[in-house]
């Protein structure tokens, strides 16, 4: 895939994978983490064969990461990563059955902090003190 042609001049692919079935990439769901230095870093989910549906989320908008791995996933080294974001159109971004999920989770965790600092974004946590 020509990253510069699809995402613009200077864009670089950081990570990509497909949704996997029994450890094999037999799906038309593709995930790409793309960085355009000095501009943005986004996660794209491209679903479809004849017709495509593409969703994206800015990395600095991701608030939390959840990780799930079944016994079969442990054997095949696959897992599901759920990214919770402050993006109104995409509050939950699910990366189903990706390869090396712990490494992928670390990539997102590192980039989240880097992008928040770059864009001067601070997350504030609100606690309901009445429930304590």
Protein backbone atom coordinates (compact mmCIF):
# COMPACT_ATOMS: atom_id res chain seq x y z
CA UNK A 1 0.00 0.00 0.00
CA UNK A 2 1.25 3.46 -0.89
CA UNK A 3 0.81 5.37 2.39
CA UNK A 4 1.72 8.79 0.96
CA UNK A 5 -0.83 8.44 -1.84
CA UNK A 6 -3.64 7.38 0.51
CA UNK A 7 -2.92 9.63 3.52
CA UNK A 8 -0.91 12.50 2.06
CA UNK A 9 2.72 13.44 1.51
CA UNK A 10 4.95 12.68 4.49
CA UNK A 11 2.55 10.20 6.10
CA UNK A 12 4.16 7.12 7.58
CA UNK A 13 2.65 3.80 8.56
CA UNK A 14 3.42 2.95 12.19
CA UNK A 15 1.41 -0.27 12.51
CA UNK A 16 -1.07 -2.28 10.46
CA UNK A 17 -2.89 -5.55 10.83
CA UNK A 18 -6.09 -7.35 9.91
CA UNK A 19 -8.81 -8.86 12.03
CA UNK A 20 -7.81 -12.49 12.40
CA UNK A 21 -9.77 -15.72 12.40
CA UNK A 22 -8.00 -18.63 14.14
CA UNK A 23 -4.78 -16.60 14.00
CA UNK A 24 -4.92 -16.07 10.22
CA UNK A 25 -5.68 -12.70 8.57
CA UNK A 26 -8.76 -13.97 6.70
CA UNK A 27 -10.84 -10.83 6.98
CA UNK A 28 -11.69 -7.69 5.05
CA UNK A 29 -11.20 -5.61 8.19
CA UNK A 30 -7.89 -3.73 8.12
CA UNK A 31 -6.41 -1.54 10.85
CA UNK A 32 -3.75 1.11 10.20
CA UNK A 33 -2.00 3.48 12.56
CA UNK A 34 -0.68 6.39 10.50
CA UNK A 35 1.40 9.38 11.53
CA UNK A 36 1.77 12.59 9.59
CA UNK A 37 4.67 14.34 11.38
CA UNK A 38 3.76 17.76 12.71
CA UNK A 39 0.10 17.29 11.83
CA UNK A 40 -1.69 14.23 13.25
CA UNK A 41 -1.53 10.57 14.27
CA UNK A 42 -4.70 8.59 13.59
CA UNK A 43 -6.02 5.07 13.74
CA UNK A 44 -8.03 3.92 10.72
CA UNK A 45 -10.37 0.94 10.47
CA UNK A 46 -11.20 -0.04 6.89
CA UNK A 47 -13.97 -2.64 6.56
CA UNK A 48 -15.19 -4.13 3.29
CA UNK A 49 -14.26 -5.64 -0.03
CA UNK A 50 -16.44 -4.16 -2.78
CA UNK A 51 -17.58 -1.22 -0.66
CA UNK A 52 -15.50 0.18 2.16
CA UNK A 53 -16.45 1.82 5.42
CA UNK A 54 -13.58 3.73 7.00
CA UNK A 55 -13.57 4.96 10.59
CA UNK A 56 -10.82 7.02 12.18
CA UNK A 57 -9.89 8.42 15.55
CA UNK A 58 -7.16 10.87 16.57
CA UNK A 59 -4.78 9.18 18.98
CA UNK A 60 -4.77 12.10 21.42
CA UNK A 61 -8.53 11.60 21.91
CA UNK A 62 -8.09 8.08 23.29
CA UNK A 63 -8.80 8.07 27.04
CA UNK A 64 -8.41 4.43 27.99
CA UNK A 65 -7.31 1.07 26.63
CA UNK A 66 -8.95 -2.26 27.43
CA UNK A 67 -7.42 -5.62 26.57
CA UNK A 68 -9.06 -9.04 26.24
CA UNK A 69 -7.45 -12.34 25.34
CA UNK A 70 -9.12 -15.74 25.36
CA UNK A 71 -7.33 -19.03 25.89
CA UNK A 72 -7.27 -19.59 22.12
CA UNK A 73 -5.96 -16.05 21.73
CA UNK A 74 -3.13 -16.82 24.13
CA UNK A 75 -2.24 -19.91 22.12
CA UNK A 76 -2.41 -18.03 18.76
CA UNK A 77 -0.94 -14.76 20.18
CA UNK A 78 -4.00 -12.73 19.24
CA UNK A 79 -6.28 -10.52 21.29
CA UNK A 80 -8.85 -7.75 21.20
CA UNK A 81 -7.97 -4.19 22.14
CA UNK A 82 -10.75 -1.71 22.90
CA UNK A 83 -9.89 1.99 22.74
CA UNK A 84 -12.24 4.35 24.57
CA UNK A 85 -12.11 7.89 23.20
CA UNK A 86 -13.62 11.32 23.66
CA UNK A 87 -14.54 11.38 19.96
CA UNK A 88 -18.33 11.78 19.72
CA UNK A 89 -18.65 9.86 16.45
CA UNK A 90 -16.37 6.99 17.59
CA UNK A 91 -16.40 6.65 21.40
CA UNK A 92 -15.42 2.96 21.24
CA UNK A 93 -12.88 1.67 18.72
CA UNK A 94 -12.44 -2.12 18.77
CA UNK A 95 -9.42 -3.85 17.24
CA UNK A 96 -10.61 -7.46 17.06
CA UNK A 97 -8.19 -10.37 17.17
CA UNK A 98 -4.96 -8.56 16.26
CA UNK A 99 -1.55 -10.22 16.31
CA UNK A 100 0.86 -9.44 19.19
CA UNK A 101 -1.83 -7.59 21.19
CA UNK A 102 0.39 -6.71 24.16
CA UNK A 103 2.93 -5.04 21.87
CA UNK A 104 0.12 -3.19 20.04
CA UNK A 105 -1.32 -2.01 23.37
CA UNK A 106 2.10 -0.63 24.31
CA UNK A 107 2.36 1.21 20.96
CA UNK A 108 -0.99 2.91 21.56
CA UNK A 109 -0.21 3.71 25.18
CA UNK A 110 3.09 5.39 24.25
CA UNK A 111 1.58 7.31 21.34
CA UNK A 112 -1.37 8.49 23.44
CA UNK A 113 0.94 10.20 25.92
CA UNK A 114 3.18 11.60 23.16
CA UNK A 115 0.23 13.03 21.21
CA UNK A 116 -1.42 14.51 24.31
CA UNK A 117 1.77 16.42 25.10
CA UNK A 118 2.15 17.50 21.47
CA UNK A 119 -1.44 18.80 21.25
CA UNK A 120 -1.42 20.14 24.83
CA UNK A 121 -4.39 17.96 25.81
CA UNK A 122 -5.01 17.10 29.44
CA UNK A 123 -7.46 14.49 30.63
CA UNK A 124 -9.42 15.30 33.73
CA UNK A 125 -10.98 12.56 35.72
CA UNK A 126 -14.23 13.24 37.50
CA UNK A 127 -15.13 11.20 40.54
CA UNK A 128 -18.54 11.01 42.09
CA UNK A 129 -17.62 11.53 45.74
CA UNK A 130 -21.14 10.61 46.90
CA UNK A 131 -20.48 6.96 46.02
CA UNK A 132 -17.38 6.60 48.24
